[in-house]
Amino acid sequence: MNTGSDEAAESESVAAATGGGAKAEPELGSRAPEFIKARRALHLSWQVGVFVVGLAVVVAGVIMLPLPGPGWLVIFGGMAIWATEFVWAQLVLRWTKRKVTEATQRALDPAVRRRNIILTSVGVVIIAVLVAIYVWKFGFEMPWKIKE
């Protein structure tokens, strides 16, 4: 058989399995230029470089988690750098994107939004009451200046 018809049949079966009109996910594997992939030593050096750069970005993101800065965004950026070369990182990013999409769909559900608004409102009221009690009892003094 013709390889073109095999590829077309395979893409049709993949489209049917993913729900018909779903966007096809990109192929897994290295996205290095062809001249780099053709030379084993150069490709290995390329992968080491991508790993080191991705690791530096991920470590910077982990450092930003307790400090000011977009920690999770930087960590996902490092994962995206790794995903240009490593299949495991591509699979992790696909899983993460799928979970974020599912969470977004759940969050946009009117019942869930209503529940979240109610819970947030109750939390704000509780905090306002606690702040009012503190100000009524101690005035506007800071906790480390309170005299017992």
Protein backbone atom coordinates (compact mmCIF):
# COMPACT_ATOMS: atom_id res chain seq x y z
CA MET A 1 0.00 0.00 0.00
CA ASN A 2 0.96 3.62 -0.36
CA THR A 3 2.49 5.17 2.75
CA GLY A 4 0.48 8.34 2.17
CA SER A 5 -2.79 6.46 2.47
CA ASP A 6 -1.48 4.70 5.61
CA GLU A 7 -0.69 8.06 7.19
CA ALA A 8 -4.09 9.45 6.20
CA ALA A 9 -5.88 6.42 7.66
CA GLU A 10 -3.83 6.71 10.84
CA SER A 11 -4.60 10.43 11.21
CA GLU A 12 -8.31 9.73 10.66
CA SER A 13 -8.27 7.06 13.37
CA VAL A 14 -6.44 9.43 15.73
CA ALA A 15 -8.96 12.19 14.97
CA ALA A 16 -11.84 9.78 15.62
CA ALA A 17 -10.27 8.66 18.90
CA THR A 18 -9.71 12.24 20.10
CA GLY A 19 -13.22 13.42 19.36
CA GLY A 20 -13.13 14.27 15.68
CA GLY A 21 -12.34 17.97 15.38
CA ALA A 22 -9.83 18.11 18.22
CA LYS A 23 -6.50 19.76 17.49
CA ALA A 24 -3.74 17.27 16.79
CA GLU A 25 -1.00 17.35 19.39
CA PRO A 26 2.53 17.87 18.09
CA GLU A 27 4.83 14.89 17.77
CA LEU A 28 6.88 13.82 20.74
CA GLY A 29 10.65 14.01 20.55
CA SER A 30 13.48 16.39 19.96
CA ARG A 31 12.87 19.68 18.20
CA ALA A 32 16.56 20.31 17.58
CA PRO A 33 17.55 21.38 14.05
CA GLU A 34 18.24 18.51 11.65
CA PHE A 35 21.97 19.24 11.32
CA ILE A 36 22.27 18.86 15.10
CA LYS A 37 20.26 15.64 15.22
CA ALA A 38 22.44 14.18 12.45
CA ARG A 39 25.58 14.33 14.62
CA ARG A 40 25.39 12.26 17.80
CA ALA A 41 27.99 14.21 19.81
CA LEU A 42 26.47 17.55 18.82
CA HIS A 43 22.97 16.33 19.66
CA LEU A 44 24.10 15.08 23.07
CA SER A 45 25.77 18.44 23.74
CA TRP A 46 22.57 20.18 22.63
CA GLN A 47 20.51 18.06 25.04
CA VAL A 48 22.91 18.75 27.92
CA GLY A 49 22.69 22.48 27.19
CA VAL A 50 18.88 22.42 27.06
CA PHE A 51 18.79 20.44 30.31
CA VAL A 52 21.13 22.87 32.10
CA VAL A 53 19.21 25.95 30.91
CA GLY A 54 15.87 24.35 31.82
CA LEU A 55 17.22 23.32 35.22
CA ALA A 56 18.43 26.87 35.90
CA VAL A 57 14.99 28.26 35.04
CA VAL A 58 13.19 25.65 37.17
CA VAL A 59 15.51 26.30 40.13
CA ALA A 60 14.89 30.05 39.77
CA GLY A 61 11.15 29.33 39.83
CA VAL A 62 11.46 27.19 42.95
CA ILE A 63 13.41 30.00 44.63
CA MET A 64 10.64 32.43 43.65
CA LEU A 65 7.93 30.31 45.31
CA PRO A 66 8.54 31.72 48.82
CA LEU A 67 9.99 34.99 47.51
CA PRO A 68 8.27 37.66 45.44
CA GLY A 69 8.03 36.66 41.82
CA PRO A 70 6.07 34.48 39.43
CA GLY A 71 7.39 31.15 40.76
CA TRP A 72 4.97 28.71 39.13
CA LEU A 73 5.07 30.57 35.84
CA VAL A 74 8.87 30.35 35.76
CA ILE A 75 8.78 26.65 36.69
CA PHE A 76 6.40 25.95 33.81
CA GLY A 77 8.69 27.99 31.57
CA GLY A 78 11.59 25.73 32.53
CA MET A 79 9.42 22.69 31.81
CA ALA A 80 8.64 24.16 28.39
CA ILE A 81 12.37 24.54 27.72
CA TRP A 82 12.88 20.89 28.67
CA ALA A 83 9.92 19.90 26.50
CA THR A 84 11.78 21.10 23.41
CA GLU A 85 14.13 18.12 23.83
CA PHE A 86 12.76 15.53 26.23
CA VAL A 87 9.69 13.34 25.78
CA TRP A 88 9.04 13.04 29.54
CA ALA A 89 8.75 16.83 29.82
CA GLN A 90 6.43 16.95 26.81
CA LEU A 91 4.18 14.37 28.46
CA VAL A 92 4.18 16.30 31.75
CA LEU A 93 3.26 19.52 29.94
CA ARG A 94 0.45 17.78 28.03
CA TRP A 95 -0.92 16.38 31.29
CA THR A 96 -0.66 19.81 32.96
CA LYS A 97 -2.41 21.56 30.08
CA ARG A 98 -5.20 18.98 30.16
CA LYS A 99 -5.68 19.39 33.94
CA VAL A 100 -5.66 23.21 33.70
CA THR A 101 -8.26 23.08 30.93
CA GLU A 102 -10.45 20.75 33.02
CA ALA A 103 -10.11 23.03 36.07
CA THR A 104 -11.00 26.05 33.95
CA GLN A 105 -14.13 24.33 32.68
CA ARG A 106 -15.13 23.38 36.23
CA ALA A 107 -14.47 26.92 37.49
CA LEU A 108 -16.67 28.41 34.79
CA ASP A 109 -19.61 26.22 35.84
CA PRO A 110 -22.27 28.60 37.25
CA ALA A 111 -22.93 26.47 40.35
CA VAL A 112 -19.21 26.33 41.19
CA ARG A 113 -18.81 30.07 40.60
CA ARG A 114 -21.77 30.81 42.88
CA ARG A 115 -20.31 28.56 45.61
CA ASN A 116 -16.88 30.23 45.27
CA ILE A 117 -18.41 33.71 45.50
CA ILE A 118 -20.39 32.73 48.62
CA LEU A 119 -17.32 31.18 50.30
CA THR A 120 -15.20 34.23 49.46
CA SER A 121 -17.85 36.58 50.81
CA VAL A 122 -18.12 34.61 54.06
CA GLY A 123 -14.32 34.65 54.40
CA VAL A 124 -14.16 38.41 53.86
CA VAL A 125 -16.91 38.98 56.47
CA ILE A 126 -15.08 36.79 59.02
CA ILE A 127 -11.81 38.64 58.45
CA ALA A 128 -13.57 42.03 58.69
CA VAL A 129 -15.15 41.01 62.01
CA LEU A 130 -11.79 39.84 63.39
CA VAL A 131 -10.10 43.09 62.32
CA ALA A 132 -12.94 45.12 63.87
CA ILE A 133 -12.61 43.22 67.17
CA TYR A 134 -8.84 43.79 67.17
CA VAL A 135 -9.21 47.53 66.49
CA TRP A 136 -11.96 47.86 69.11
CA LYS A 137 -9.87 46.08 71.76
CA PHE A 138 -6.38 47.46 71.01
CA GLY A 139 -6.88 50.48 68.78
CA PHE A 140 -4.60 51.01 65.81
CA GLU A 141 -1.46 49.85 67.59
CA MET A 142 0.67 47.16 66.04
CA PRO A 143 0.75 43.77 67.82
CA TRP A 144 4.41 44.15 68.86
CA LYS A 145 3.62 47.44 70.67
CA ILE A 146 0.71 46.19 72.76
CA LYS A 147 1.14 46.73 76.50
CA GLU A 148 -0.55 44.11 78.65
